[in-house]
Structures are given as C-alpha cells and as structure tokens.
Amino acid sequence: MFTVIAGTVLLAFVHALIPNHWMPLVAVARAEGWKRKEVTTVTLLAALAHVVGTVALGFVLGMIGKELVEEYGESIAMVSSVLLIVFGLIYYTVNLPHHHHSEQQDVVAYKRSKSRWILIFIVMMFLSPCLEVESLFLSAGVYGMGLVALLGVIYAIVSISGILILVTLGHRGVNLLPAHFIEHNEKRISGIVLILVGILSFFLH
C-alpha cells in the first residue's frame, strides 16, 4: 500500500515537470502581458481540469480493481503488481521523441482572446490525463476505494502545486533547466517508477 502511495507522489511530481503542462501557459502569459494574479488563476483552473480528468478515470479503474479482488481474491494483487511492471517496461521502452518549436511561434499562430486562451488550456489539460498514474489507481482498487480516494487527493495536491510553482517561476523569468531533461526522458522516468512500485508491491504485499 505504501509503495502505491509513494509511486503516486513520484509520478505526480514527474508529470508536473513535463513542459507541455506549464510552458504554454508561461509563453502566452508573457506574450499577452498577463498580470501575476491572472496567471495564477488560469494556472489553477488548468491544473484542476487536469486533475479532474486524471482522477475521474482513476476512480473508474479503481472500481475495476475492487471488483476484480472481490471476484478473484487476493491473488489479483499479485497480478496487479505484474501489470505495473509490464506497464513500466512499456513506458520505459516507448520513449517517443517530442516535436519542438518555439514558444513565440505558438503564441503568434494561435492568437486568441483571454477567455479563449483559458478555454483552450482547460480543455487541453482535461483531455491529457496522466496515464502512467492510472495503473496505480487500478492497483489501489485492490486495497479498497479508500486508498483510491487517498491517491486522488495526493495526486491533486502534488500536481496542482507543482504546475503552479513551475508556471510562477517561468513567468518570473527563472530558467528551468531540468525541463529539457524531463521532456526527453519523462516516459523512462515514469517507467522506472512503475517497475519499482510493481516489484515492491509484489514482494511486500
């Protein structure tokens, strides 16, 4: 149980570092001259939309995990651990390259009113749930919906806080060097976390 919680914290943190979760906000805020309060508000709305999309899907998978353990017994816990390892291997090996283009080009190409920018960010973040952490919600369902709910809360706190901090720093002009590394290795990092959680869950259950 602890390994699933720790894995959720790590994945939420890594996922928040992905540039496409915060860099577009920074680019638009700078180009449009948004005030700090406006940037914070839009960031919170976008991050909340991302969390809602991720946790909603997570609850569905958690319920599936709960139903499986009720039907097949404790052996399903071992299966969920193996699945985590399999998902981890998939994420580690499929580290697709990212398409690069300048932030300024994005802003110029998609000039919108403030309300439309807000809608774009909310929809974009809602439709890009953290798929890596969904497998942890499935595993958490084996322990009951209480743990699934706890993971939802933990994921929300870490993700929203992380995205808000990164956007705030980026808007202030702080050079976030790790972003480049995360952008190229996010799948591998997520894969390693899932593999470790799967292995620990298998032996500690």
N, C-alpha and C. Protein backbone atom coordinates (compact mmCIF):
# COMPACT_ATOMS: atom_id res chain seq x y z
N MET A 1 0.83 -1.20 0.00
CA MET A 1 0.00 0.00 0.00
C MET A 1 0.87 1.26 0.00
N PHE A 2 1.90 1.25 0.85
CA PHE A 2 2.80 2.40 0.92
C PHE A 2 3.52 2.63 -0.40
N THR A 3 3.90 1.53 -1.07
CA THR A 3 4.61 1.67 -2.35
C THR A 3 3.72 2.32 -3.41
N VAL A 4 2.43 2.02 -3.38
CA VAL A 4 1.50 2.62 -4.34
C VAL A 4 1.38 4.12 -4.08
N ILE A 5 1.31 4.49 -2.80
CA ILE A 5 1.22 5.91 -2.44
C ILE A 5 2.49 6.65 -2.85
N ALA A 6 3.64 6.05 -2.53
CA ALA A 6 4.92 6.68 -2.88
C ALA A 6 5.06 6.81 -4.39
N GLY A 7 4.63 5.79 -5.12
CA GLY A 7 4.69 5.83 -6.57
C GLY A 7 3.82 6.94 -7.14
N THR A 8 2.65 7.14 -6.54
CA THR A 8 1.75 8.20 -6.98
C THR A 8 2.38 9.57 -6.78
N VAL A 9 3.02 9.77 -5.64
CA VAL A 9 3.69 11.05 -5.36
C VAL A 9 4.79 11.31 -6.40
N LEU A 10 5.60 10.29 -6.66
CA LEU A 10 6.71 10.45 -7.61
C LEU A 10 6.21 10.73 -9.03
N LEU A 11 5.20 9.97 -9.46
CA LEU A 11 4.69 10.16 -10.81
C LEU A 11 4.00 11.51 -10.97
N ALA A 12 3.27 11.92 -9.93
CA ALA A 12 2.61 13.23 -9.98
C ALA A 12 3.64 14.34 -10.10
N PHE A 13 4.74 14.20 -9.37
CA PHE A 13 5.80 15.21 -9.40
C PHE A 13 6.47 15.24 -10.78
N VAL A 14 6.82 14.06 -11.29
CA VAL A 14 7.47 13.98 -12.61
C VAL A 14 6.54 14.52 -13.68
N HIS A 15 5.25 14.15 -13.59
CA HIS A 15 4.30 14.57 -14.61
C HIS A 15 4.12 16.09 -14.60
N ALA A 16 4.17 16.68 -13.42
CA ALA A 16 4.02 18.14 -13.34
C ALA A 16 5.18 18.85 -14.03
N LEU A 17 6.35 18.20 -14.08
CA LEU A 17 7.53 18.81 -14.69
C LEU A 17 7.50 18.81 -16.21
N ILE A 18 6.60 18.02 -16.81
CA ILE A 18 6.55 17.94 -18.26
C ILE A 18 6.25 19.33 -18.84
N PRO A 19 7.10 19.83 -19.75
CA PRO A 19 6.93 21.20 -20.25
C PRO A 19 5.57 21.52 -20.83
N ASN A 20 4.91 20.57 -21.52
CA ASN A 20 3.63 20.92 -22.14
C ASN A 20 2.51 21.10 -21.13
N HIS A 21 2.81 20.89 -19.83
CA HIS A 21 1.83 21.13 -18.78
C HIS A 21 1.91 22.55 -18.23
N TRP A 22 3.02 23.22 -18.48
CA TRP A 22 3.16 24.57 -17.92
C TRP A 22 3.81 25.59 -18.87
N MET A 23 4.65 25.12 -19.79
CA MET A 23 5.35 26.05 -20.67
C MET A 23 4.42 26.86 -21.58
N PRO A 24 3.35 26.25 -22.17
CA PRO A 24 2.43 27.06 -22.98
C PRO A 24 1.80 28.19 -22.18
N LEU A 25 1.49 27.93 -20.92
CA LEU A 25 0.92 28.97 -20.06
C LEU A 25 1.90 30.12 -19.87
N VAL A 26 3.15 29.77 -19.65
CA VAL A 26 4.19 30.80 -19.47
C VAL A 26 4.34 31.62 -20.74
N ALA A 27 4.38 30.93 -21.89
CA ALA A 27 4.56 31.61 -23.17
C ALA A 27 3.43 32.60 -23.45
N VAL A 28 2.20 32.15 -23.26
CA VAL A 28 1.04 33.00 -23.53
C VAL A 28 0.97 34.16 -22.53
N ALA A 29 1.22 33.85 -21.26
CA ALA A 29 1.16 34.90 -20.22
C ALA A 29 2.16 36.00 -20.50
N ARG A 30 3.35 35.63 -20.94
CA ARG A 30 4.37 36.64 -21.25
C ARG A 30 3.98 37.45 -22.48
N ALA A 31 3.53 36.75 -23.54
CA ALA A 31 3.20 37.42 -24.79
C ALA A 31 2.00 38.35 -24.64
N GLU A 32 1.03 37.93 -23.83
CA GLU A 32 -0.19 38.72 -23.66
C GLU A 32 -0.09 39.72 -22.52
N GLY A 33 1.00 39.67 -21.77
CA GLY A 33 1.19 40.62 -20.68
C GLY A 33 0.24 40.41 -19.52
N TRP A 34 -0.07 39.16 -19.23
CA TRP A 34 -0.97 38.87 -18.11
C TRP A 34 -0.32 39.25 -16.79
N LYS A 35 -1.14 39.70 -15.87
CA LYS A 35 -0.66 40.01 -14.53
C LYS A 35 -0.48 38.73 -13.74
N ARG A 36 0.28 38.83 -12.65
CA ARG A 36 0.58 37.65 -11.85
C ARG A 36 -0.69 36.97 -11.34
N LYS A 37 -1.67 37.75 -10.91
CA LYS A 37 -2.92 37.18 -10.40
C LYS A 37 -3.67 36.43 -11.50
N GLU A 38 -3.64 36.98 -12.70
CA GLU A 38 -4.31 36.33 -13.83
C GLU A 38 -3.62 35.01 -14.17
N VAL A 39 -2.30 35.02 -14.15
CA VAL A 39 -1.53 33.81 -14.44
C VAL A 39 -1.86 32.73 -13.41
N THR A 40 -1.91 33.12 -12.15
CA THR A 40 -2.20 32.16 -11.08
C THR A 40 -3.60 31.57 -11.23
N THR A 41 -4.57 32.41 -11.56
CA THR A 41 -5.95 31.94 -11.71
C THR A 41 -6.09 30.95 -12.86
N VAL A 42 -5.52 31.31 -14.00
CA VAL A 42 -5.60 30.43 -15.17
C VAL A 42 -4.86 29.12 -14.91
N THR A 43 -3.72 29.21 -14.26
CA THR A 43 -2.95 28.01 -13.95
C THR A 43 -3.73 27.07 -13.03
N LEU A 44 -4.35 27.62 -12.01
CA LEU A 44 -5.15 26.81 -11.10
C LEU A 44 -6.30 26.12 -11.82
N LEU A 45 -6.97 26.85 -12.70
CA LEU A 45 -8.09 26.27 -13.45
C LEU A 45 -7.62 25.14 -14.37
N ALA A 46 -6.50 25.38 -15.06
CA ALA A 46 -5.97 24.37 -15.97
C ALA A 46 -5.48 23.14 -15.21
N ALA A 47 -4.77 23.37 -14.10
CA ALA A 47 -4.26 22.25 -13.30
C ALA A 47 -5.41 21.46 -12.69
N LEU A 48 -6.45 22.16 -12.25
CA LEU A 48 -7.61 21.48 -11.69
C LEU A 48 -8.31 20.63 -12.74
N ALA A 49 -8.41 21.14 -13.95
CA ALA A 49 -9.01 20.37 -15.04
C ALA A 49 -8.21 19.11 -15.31
N HIS A 50 -6.89 19.23 -15.27
CA HIS A 50 -6.01 18.07 -15.49
C HIS A 50 -6.23 17.03 -14.40
N VAL A 51 -6.33 17.49 -13.16
CA VAL A 51 -6.53 16.58 -12.03
C VAL A 51 -7.89 15.89 -12.12
N VAL A 52 -8.93 16.65 -12.46
CA VAL A 52 -10.27 16.08 -12.57
C VAL A 52 -10.29 14.98 -13.63
N GLY A 53 -9.67 15.24 -14.79
CA GLY A 53 -9.63 14.24 -15.84
C GLY A 53 -8.89 12.98 -15.41
N THR A 54 -7.77 13.17 -14.73
CA THR A 54 -6.96 12.03 -14.29
C THR A 54 -7.65 11.24 -13.19
N VAL A 55 -8.16 11.93 -12.18
CA VAL A 55 -8.77 11.26 -11.03
C VAL A 55 -10.09 10.58 -11.41
N ALA A 56 -10.86 11.20 -12.30
CA ALA A 56 -12.13 10.59 -12.73
C ALA A 56 -11.87 9.24 -13.38
N LEU A 57 -10.90 9.20 -14.29
CA LEU A 57 -10.53 7.94 -14.92
C LEU A 57 -9.93 6.99 -13.90
N GLY A 58 -9.18 7.54 -12.94
CA GLY A 58 -8.58 6.72 -11.89
C GLY A 58 -9.61 6.04 -11.02
N PHE A 59 -10.70 6.74 -10.71
CA PHE A 59 -11.76 6.14 -9.91
C PHE A 59 -12.43 4.98 -10.64
N VAL A 60 -12.60 5.13 -11.94
CA VAL A 60 -13.19 4.05 -12.73
C VAL A 60 -12.29 2.82 -12.67
N LEU A 61 -10.99 3.03 -12.86
CA LEU A 61 -10.04 1.91 -12.81
C LEU A 61 -9.94 1.34 -11.40
N GLY A 62 -10.06 2.21 -10.38
CA GLY A 62 -10.04 1.73 -9.01
C GLY A 62 -11.22 0.83 -8.72
N MET A 63 -12.38 1.17 -9.23
CA MET A 63 -13.57 0.34 -9.05
C MET A 63 -13.41 -1.00 -9.75
N ILE A 64 -12.76 -0.98 -10.91
CA ILE A 64 -12.48 -2.24 -11.62
C ILE A 64 -11.56 -3.11 -10.78
N GLY A 65 -10.52 -2.49 -10.20
CA GLY A 65 -9.60 -3.24 -9.33
C GLY A 65 -10.32 -3.82 -8.13
N LYS A 66 -11.24 -3.07 -7.54
CA LYS A 66 -12.01 -3.53 -6.39
C LYS A 66 -12.89 -4.73 -6.77
N GLU A 67 -13.54 -4.64 -7.93
CA GLU A 67 -14.40 -5.73 -8.38
C GLU A 67 -13.58 -6.99 -8.66
N LEU A 68 -12.39 -6.81 -9.22
CA LEU A 68 -11.55 -7.96 -9.53
C LEU A 68 -11.12 -8.70 -8.28
N VAL A 69 -10.73 -7.94 -7.22
CA VAL A 69 -10.28 -8.59 -5.99
C VAL A 69 -11.44 -9.28 -5.28
N GLU A 70 -12.65 -8.73 -5.41
CA GLU A 70 -13.81 -9.37 -4.80
C GLU A 70 -14.16 -10.66 -5.52
N GLU A 71 -13.89 -10.70 -6.82
CA GLU A 71 -14.24 -11.88 -7.60
C GLU A 71 -13.16 -12.94 -7.59
N TYR A 72 -11.89 -12.50 -7.63
CA TYR A 72 -10.80 -13.47 -7.76
C TYR A 72 -9.93 -13.59 -6.50
N GLY A 73 -10.21 -12.80 -5.49
CA GLY A 73 -9.48 -12.92 -4.24
C GLY A 73 -8.14 -12.20 -4.24
N GLU A 74 -7.34 -12.48 -3.25
CA GLU A 74 -6.07 -11.78 -3.04
C GLU A 74 -5.05 -12.02 -4.14
N SER A 75 -5.25 -13.08 -4.93
CA SER A 75 -4.29 -13.36 -6.00
C SER A 75 -4.24 -12.24 -7.02
N ILE A 76 -5.32 -11.47 -7.10
CA ILE A 76 -5.35 -10.37 -8.07
C ILE A 76 -4.33 -9.29 -7.71
N ALA A 77 -3.94 -9.23 -6.43
CA ALA A 77 -2.93 -8.25 -6.00
C ALA A 77 -1.59 -8.55 -6.67
N MET A 78 -1.27 -9.84 -6.79
CA MET A 78 -0.03 -10.22 -7.47
C MET A 78 -0.11 -9.88 -8.95
N VAL A 79 -1.30 -10.09 -9.52
CA VAL A 79 -1.48 -9.77 -10.94
C VAL A 79 -1.31 -8.28 -11.18
N SER A 80 -1.87 -7.46 -10.27
CA SER A 80 -1.76 -6.01 -10.43
C SER A 80 -0.31 -5.56 -10.33
N SER A 81 0.48 -6.23 -9.49
CA SER A 81 1.91 -5.90 -9.38
C SER A 81 2.65 -6.22 -10.68
N VAL A 82 2.30 -7.37 -11.26
CA VAL A 82 2.92 -7.76 -12.53
C VAL A 82 2.53 -6.77 -13.63
N LEU A 83 1.26 -6.33 -13.61
CA LEU A 83 0.80 -5.37 -14.61
C LEU A 83 1.56 -4.04 -14.49
N LEU A 84 1.84 -3.64 -13.26
CA LEU A 84 2.61 -2.41 -13.06
C LEU A 84 4.00 -2.53 -13.69
N ILE A 85 4.62 -3.69 -13.51
CA ILE A 85 5.94 -3.92 -14.09
C ILE A 85 5.86 -3.90 -15.61
N VAL A 86 4.81 -4.52 -16.15
CA VAL A 86 4.62 -4.56 -17.61
C VAL A 86 4.41 -3.15 -18.15
N PHE A 87 3.53 -2.38 -17.50
CA PHE A 87 3.30 -1.00 -17.92
C PHE A 87 4.59 -0.19 -17.84
N GLY A 88 5.35 -0.43 -16.77
CA GLY A 88 6.61 0.28 -16.61
C GLY A 88 7.58 -0.01 -17.73
N LEU A 89 7.67 -1.28 -18.12
CA LEU A 89 8.55 -1.67 -19.22
C LEU A 89 8.11 -1.03 -20.54
N ILE A 90 6.79 -0.94 -20.72
CA ILE A 90 6.27 -0.33 -21.94
C ILE A 90 6.63 1.15 -21.98
N TYR A 91 6.40 1.85 -20.86
CA TYR A 91 6.71 3.28 -20.82
C TYR A 91 8.21 3.53 -20.96
N TYR A 92 9.01 2.63 -20.39
CA TYR A 92 10.46 2.83 -20.46
C TYR A 92 10.97 2.65 -21.88
N THR A 93 10.43 1.67 -22.60
CA THR A 93 10.94 1.36 -23.94
C THR A 93 10.35 2.27 -25.01
N VAL A 94 9.13 2.76 -24.79
CA VAL A 94 8.49 3.64 -25.77
C VAL A 94 8.68 5.09 -25.32
N ASN A 95 9.88 5.59 -25.48
CA ASN A 95 10.18 6.97 -25.11
C ASN A 95 10.22 7.80 -26.39
N LEU A 96 9.02 8.14 -26.88
CA LEU A 96 8.91 8.79 -28.18
C LEU A 96 9.53 10.18 -28.17
N PRO A 97 10.15 10.59 -29.27
CA PRO A 97 10.71 11.95 -29.35
C PRO A 97 9.61 12.98 -29.39
N HIS A 98 9.92 14.18 -28.94
CA HIS A 98 8.95 15.27 -28.90
C HIS A 98 9.19 16.23 -30.06
N HIS A 99 8.12 16.84 -30.49
CA HIS A 99 8.22 17.83 -31.56
C HIS A 99 8.52 19.18 -30.95
N HIS A 100 9.55 19.83 -31.44
CA HIS A 100 9.98 21.10 -30.85
C HIS A 100 9.63 22.26 -31.77
N HIS A 101 9.20 23.35 -31.16
CA HIS A 101 9.04 24.60 -31.86
C HIS A 101 9.02 25.70 -30.81
N SER A 102 9.26 26.89 -31.23
CA SER A 102 9.42 27.97 -30.27
C SER A 102 8.11 28.36 -29.63
N GLU A 103 8.20 28.85 -28.38
CA GLU A 103 7.01 29.29 -27.68
C GLU A 103 6.38 30.46 -28.40
N GLN A 104 7.21 31.35 -28.93
CA GLN A 104 6.69 32.54 -29.58
C GLN A 104 5.87 32.19 -30.81
N GLN A 105 6.29 31.15 -31.54
CA GLN A 105 5.54 30.71 -32.70
C GLN A 105 4.15 30.23 -32.29
N ASP A 106 4.08 29.51 -31.17
CA ASP A 106 2.79 29.04 -30.67
C ASP A 106 1.85 30.21 -30.42
N VAL A 107 2.37 31.22 -29.76
CA VAL A 107 1.55 32.36 -29.39
C VAL A 107 1.08 33.12 -30.62
N VAL A 108 1.98 33.33 -31.57
CA VAL A 108 1.62 34.08 -32.77
C VAL A 108 0.61 33.30 -33.61
N ALA A 109 0.80 31.99 -33.69
CA ALA A 109 -0.07 31.18 -34.53
C ALA A 109 -1.47 31.02 -33.96
N TYR A 110 -1.60 31.16 -32.65
CA TYR A 110 -2.89 30.93 -32.01
C TYR A 110 -3.34 32.13 -31.19
N LYS A 111 -3.31 33.28 -31.82
CA LYS A 111 -3.76 34.49 -31.14
C LYS A 111 -5.23 34.35 -30.78
N ARG A 112 -5.56 34.52 -29.51
CA ARG A 112 -6.93 34.37 -29.05
C ARG A 112 -7.21 35.43 -27.99
N SER A 113 -8.47 35.61 -27.71
CA SER A 113 -8.84 36.46 -26.59
C SER A 113 -8.50 35.72 -25.30
N LYS A 114 -8.48 36.44 -24.19
CA LYS A 114 -8.11 35.82 -22.92
C LYS A 114 -9.06 34.68 -22.57
N SER A 115 -10.35 34.89 -22.77
CA SER A 115 -11.33 33.85 -22.44
C SER A 115 -11.12 32.59 -23.28
N ARG A 116 -10.74 32.78 -24.54
CA ARG A 116 -10.49 31.62 -25.39
C ARG A 116 -9.22 30.89 -25.00
N TRP A 117 -8.21 31.66 -24.61
CA TRP A 117 -6.98 31.02 -24.13
C TRP A 117 -7.27 30.17 -22.90
N ILE A 118 -8.08 30.71 -21.99
CA ILE A 118 -8.43 29.97 -20.77
C ILE A 118 -9.15 28.68 -21.14
N LEU A 119 -10.10 28.76 -22.08
CA LEU A 119 -10.84 27.57 -22.50
C LEU A 119 -9.91 26.55 -23.14
N ILE A 120 -8.98 27.04 -23.96
CA ILE A 120 -8.02 26.14 -24.61
C ILE A 120 -7.19 25.38 -23.57
N PHE A 121 -6.68 26.10 -22.57
CA PHE A 121 -5.86 25.45 -21.55
C PHE A 121 -6.65 24.45 -20.73
N ILE A 122 -7.87 24.80 -20.37
CA ILE A 122 -8.70 23.90 -19.56
C ILE A 122 -9.02 22.61 -20.32
N VAL A 123 -9.44 22.76 -21.56
CA VAL A 123 -9.78 21.58 -22.37
C VAL A 123 -8.53 20.73 -22.63
N MET A 124 -7.42 21.40 -22.96
CA MET A 124 -6.17 20.70 -23.23
C MET A 124 -5.72 19.87 -22.04
N MET A 125 -5.78 20.46 -20.86
CA MET A 125 -5.32 19.76 -19.65
C MET A 125 -6.30 18.66 -19.23
N PHE A 126 -7.59 18.90 -19.42
CA PHE A 126 -8.57 17.87 -19.06
C PHE A 126 -8.43 16.63 -19.94
N LEU A 127 -8.11 16.86 -21.20
CA LEU A 127 -8.00 15.75 -22.15
C LEU A 127 -6.62 15.11 -22.19
N SER A 128 -5.74 15.52 -21.26
CA SER A 128 -4.41 14.90 -21.20
C SER A 128 -4.15 14.35 -19.80
N PRO A 129 -4.93 13.35 -19.37
CA PRO A 129 -4.73 12.77 -18.04
C PRO A 129 -3.39 12.06 -17.95
N CYS A 130 -2.92 11.91 -16.74
CA CYS A 130 -1.65 11.22 -16.50
C CYS A 130 -1.89 9.72 -16.60
N LEU A 131 -1.64 9.15 -17.77
CA LEU A 131 -1.93 7.73 -18.00
C LEU A 131 -1.04 6.82 -17.16
N GLU A 132 0.17 7.29 -16.86
CA GLU A 132 1.08 6.47 -16.06
C GLU A 132 0.51 6.18 -14.67
N VAL A 133 -0.10 7.19 -14.06
CA VAL A 133 -0.60 7.02 -12.70
C VAL A 133 -1.91 6.22 -12.67
N GLU A 134 -2.57 6.08 -13.83
CA GLU A 134 -3.83 5.34 -13.87
C GLU A 134 -3.62 3.88 -13.46
N SER A 135 -2.49 3.33 -13.82
CA SER A 135 -2.21 1.94 -13.44
C SER A 135 -2.09 1.80 -11.93
N LEU A 136 -1.65 2.87 -11.25
CA LEU A 136 -1.57 2.84 -9.80
C LEU A 136 -2.97 2.90 -9.17
N PHE A 137 -3.88 3.63 -9.81
CA PHE A 137 -5.27 3.65 -9.33
C PHE A 137 -5.88 2.26 -9.44
N LEU A 138 -5.57 1.56 -10.52
CA LEU A 138 -6.06 0.20 -10.70
C LEU A 138 -5.55 -0.71 -9.59
N SER A 139 -4.27 -0.58 -9.27
CA SER A 139 -3.68 -1.38 -8.20
C SER A 139 -4.26 -1.00 -6.84
N ALA A 140 -4.52 0.29 -6.64
CA ALA A 140 -5.07 0.77 -5.37
C ALA A 140 -6.46 0.20 -5.12
N GLY A 141 -7.21 -0.04 -6.21
CA GLY A 141 -8.55 -0.61 -6.06
C GLY A 141 -8.54 -1.95 -5.38
N VAL A 142 -7.43 -2.67 -5.48
CA VAL A 142 -7.28 -3.97 -4.81
C VAL A 142 -7.38 -3.80 -3.30
N TYR A 143 -6.92 -2.66 -2.78
CA TYR A 143 -6.93 -2.39 -1.34
C TYR A 143 -8.21 -1.69 -0.89
N GLY A 144 -9.05 -1.31 -1.84
CA GLY A 144 -10.30 -0.65 -1.47
C GLY A 144 -10.38 0.77 -2.01
N MET A 145 -11.60 1.29 -2.08
CA MET A 145 -11.81 2.62 -2.65
C MET A 145 -11.28 3.73 -1.74
N GLY A 146 -11.05 3.42 -0.47
CA GLY A 146 -10.48 4.41 0.43
C GLY A 146 -9.09 4.82 -0.03
N LEU A 147 -8.30 3.83 -0.44
CA LEU A 147 -6.95 4.13 -0.94
C LEU A 147 -7.02 4.85 -2.28
N VAL A 148 -7.99 4.49 -3.10
CA VAL A 148 -8.17 5.16 -4.39
C VAL A 148 -8.46 6.65 -4.16
N ALA A 149 -9.34 6.93 -3.20
CA ALA A 149 -9.66 8.33 -2.87
C ALA A 149 -8.44 9.06 -2.34
N LEU A 150 -7.65 8.38 -1.51
CA LEU A 150 -6.43 8.98 -0.96
C LEU A 150 -5.45 9.31 -2.07
N LEU A 151 -5.30 8.40 -3.04
CA LEU A 151 -4.41 8.66 -4.16
C LEU A 151 -4.89 9.87 -4.97
N GLY A 152 -6.22 9.98 -5.11
CA GLY A 152 -6.77 11.13 -5.82
C GLY A 152 -6.41 12.44 -5.15
N VAL A 153 -6.51 12.47 -3.83
CA VAL A 153 -6.17 13.68 -3.07
C VAL A 153 -4.68 13.99 -3.18
N ILE A 154 -3.85 12.96 -3.00
CA ILE A 154 -2.40 13.14 -3.09
C ILE A 154 -2.00 13.63 -4.47
N TYR A 155 -2.55 13.00 -5.49
CA TYR A 155 -2.22 13.39 -6.86
C TYR A 155 -2.63 14.84 -7.12
N ALA A 156 -3.80 15.22 -6.63
CA ALA A 156 -4.29 16.58 -6.83
C ALA A 156 -3.35 17.60 -6.19
N ILE A 157 -2.96 17.35 -4.95
CA ILE A 157 -2.10 18.29 -4.22
C ILE A 157 -0.75 18.44 -4.90
N VAL A 158 -0.12 17.31 -5.24
CA VAL A 158 1.22 17.35 -5.84
C VAL A 158 1.18 17.97 -7.24
N SER A 159 0.21 17.57 -8.05
CA SER A 159 0.14 18.07 -9.43
C SER A 159 -0.16 19.56 -9.49
N ILE A 160 -1.20 19.98 -8.77
CA ILE A 160 -1.59 21.39 -8.80
C ILE A 160 -0.47 22.26 -8.25
N SER A 161 0.12 21.83 -7.14
CA SER A 161 1.21 22.61 -6.54
C SER A 161 2.40 22.69 -7.49
N GLY A 162 2.76 21.56 -8.09
CA GLY A 162 3.90 21.52 -8.98
C GLY A 162 3.73 22.40 -10.20
N ILE A 163 2.58 22.29 -10.85
CA ILE A 163 2.32 23.10 -12.05
C ILE A 163 2.28 24.58 -11.70
N LEU A 164 1.65 24.91 -10.57
CA LEU A 164 1.56 26.31 -10.16
C LEU A 164 2.94 26.91 -9.89
N ILE A 165 3.79 26.16 -9.22
CA ILE A 165 5.15 26.63 -8.92
C ILE A 165 5.95 26.83 -10.19
N LEU A 166 5.86 25.87 -11.12
CA LEU A 166 6.62 25.96 -12.36
C LEU A 166 6.17 27.13 -13.23
N VAL A 167 4.86 27.34 -13.33
CA VAL A 167 4.36 28.46 -14.12
C VAL A 167 4.78 29.79 -13.48
N THR A 168 4.68 29.86 -12.17
CA THR A 168 5.05 31.09 -11.46
C THR A 168 6.53 31.41 -11.68
N LEU A 169 7.38 30.41 -11.54
CA LEU A 169 8.82 30.62 -11.75
C LEU A 169 9.12 30.98 -13.20
N GLY A 170 8.47 30.26 -14.12
CA GLY A 170 8.69 30.55 -15.53
C GLY A 170 8.23 31.94 -15.91
N HIS A 171 7.11 32.38 -15.36
CA HIS A 171 6.58 33.71 -15.65
C HIS A 171 7.51 34.80 -15.12
N ARG A 172 8.22 34.49 -14.04
CA ARG A 172 9.16 35.45 -13.46
C ARG A 172 10.50 35.44 -14.18
N GLY A 173 10.66 34.55 -15.14
CA GLY A 173 11.89 34.53 -15.92
C GLY A 173 12.94 33.57 -15.42
N VAL A 174 12.59 32.70 -14.48
CA VAL A 174 13.54 31.72 -13.98
C VAL A 174 13.79 30.67 -15.06
N ASN A 175 15.05 30.38 -15.33
CA ASN A 175 15.40 29.39 -16.34
C ASN A 175 15.32 27.99 -15.74
N LEU A 176 14.28 27.26 -16.12
CA LEU A 176 14.03 25.94 -15.55
C LEU A 176 14.75 24.87 -16.39
N LEU A 177 16.02 24.71 -16.12
CA LEU A 177 16.86 23.81 -16.91
C LEU A 177 16.41 22.36 -16.92
N PRO A 178 15.94 21.80 -15.80
CA PRO A 178 15.56 20.38 -15.81
C PRO A 178 14.44 20.06 -16.80
N ALA A 179 13.70 21.07 -17.23
CA ALA A 179 12.55 20.83 -18.12
C ALA A 179 12.99 20.10 -19.39
N HIS A 180 14.13 20.46 -19.94
CA HIS A 180 14.61 19.83 -21.17
C HIS A 180 14.88 18.35 -20.93
N PHE A 181 15.50 18.03 -19.82
CA PHE A 181 15.79 16.63 -19.49
C PHE A 181 14.51 15.84 -19.29
N ILE A 182 13.55 16.43 -18.55
CA ILE A 182 12.28 15.76 -18.29
C ILE A 182 11.52 15.51 -19.58
N GLU A 183 11.54 16.51 -20.48
CA GLU A 183 10.81 16.39 -21.74
C GLU A 183 11.29 15.19 -22.55
N HIS A 184 12.59 14.91 -22.50
CA HIS A 184 13.15 13.82 -23.29
C HIS A 184 13.14 12.47 -22.57
N ASN A 185 12.98 12.48 -21.26
CA ASN A 185 13.08 11.23 -20.50
C ASN A 185 11.88 10.94 -19.62
N GLU A 186 10.78 11.68 -19.81
CA GLU A 186 9.61 11.52 -18.94
C GLU A 186 9.07 10.09 -18.95
N LYS A 187 8.99 9.46 -20.13
CA LYS A 187 8.46 8.10 -20.22
C LYS A 187 9.38 7.11 -19.49
N ARG A 188 10.69 7.30 -19.65
CA ARG A 188 11.62 6.38 -18.99
C ARG A 188 11.57 6.53 -17.47
N ILE A 189 11.48 7.77 -17.00
CA ILE A 189 11.40 8.00 -15.56
C ILE A 189 10.13 7.39 -15.01
N SER A 190 9.01 7.62 -15.70
CA SER A 190 7.73 7.05 -15.27
C SER A 190 7.80 5.52 -15.29
N GLY A 191 8.42 4.99 -16.32
CA GLY A 191 8.55 3.54 -16.43
C GLY A 191 9.33 2.94 -15.28
N ILE A 192 10.43 3.58 -14.91
CA ILE A 192 11.25 3.11 -13.79
C ILE A 192 10.45 3.13 -12.49
N VAL A 193 9.68 4.21 -12.27
CA VAL A 193 8.87 4.31 -11.06
C VAL A 193 7.85 3.18 -11.01
N LEU A 194 7.16 2.92 -12.14
CA LEU A 194 6.15 1.86 -12.18
C LEU A 194 6.77 0.48 -11.94
N ILE A 195 7.93 0.26 -12.53
CA ILE A 195 8.61 -1.03 -12.34
C ILE A 195 8.99 -1.23 -10.87
N LEU A 196 9.55 -0.21 -10.25
CA LEU A 196 9.94 -0.30 -8.84
C LEU A 196 8.72 -0.53 -7.94
N VAL A 197 7.64 0.21 -8.21
CA VAL A 197 6.42 0.04 -7.41
C VAL A 197 5.86 -1.37 -7.59
N GLY A 198 5.88 -1.87 -8.82
CA GLY A 198 5.38 -3.21 -9.09
C GLY A 198 6.19 -4.28 -8.37
N ILE A 199 7.51 -4.14 -8.41
CA ILE A 199 8.38 -5.12 -7.75
C ILE A 199 8.17 -5.09 -6.23
N LEU A 200 8.16 -3.89 -5.65
CA LEU A 200 7.97 -3.77 -4.20
C LEU A 200 6.60 -4.26 -3.77
N SER A 201 5.57 -3.94 -4.57
CA SER A 201 4.21 -4.40 -4.24
C SER A 201 4.12 -5.92 -4.28
N PHE A 202 4.82 -6.51 -5.25
CA PHE A 202 4.79 -7.97 -5.41
C PHE A 202 5.37 -8.68 -4.18
N PHE A 203 6.49 -8.15 -3.66
CA PHE A 203 7.17 -8.83 -2.55
C PHE A 203 6.68 -8.38 -1.18
N LEU A 204 6.10 -7.18 -1.09
CA LEU A 204 5.67 -6.68 0.21
C LEU A 204 4.19 -6.89 0.50
N HIS A 205 3.44 -7.32 -0.51
CA HIS A 205 2.01 -7.49 -0.29
C HIS A 205 1.73 -8.58 0.74
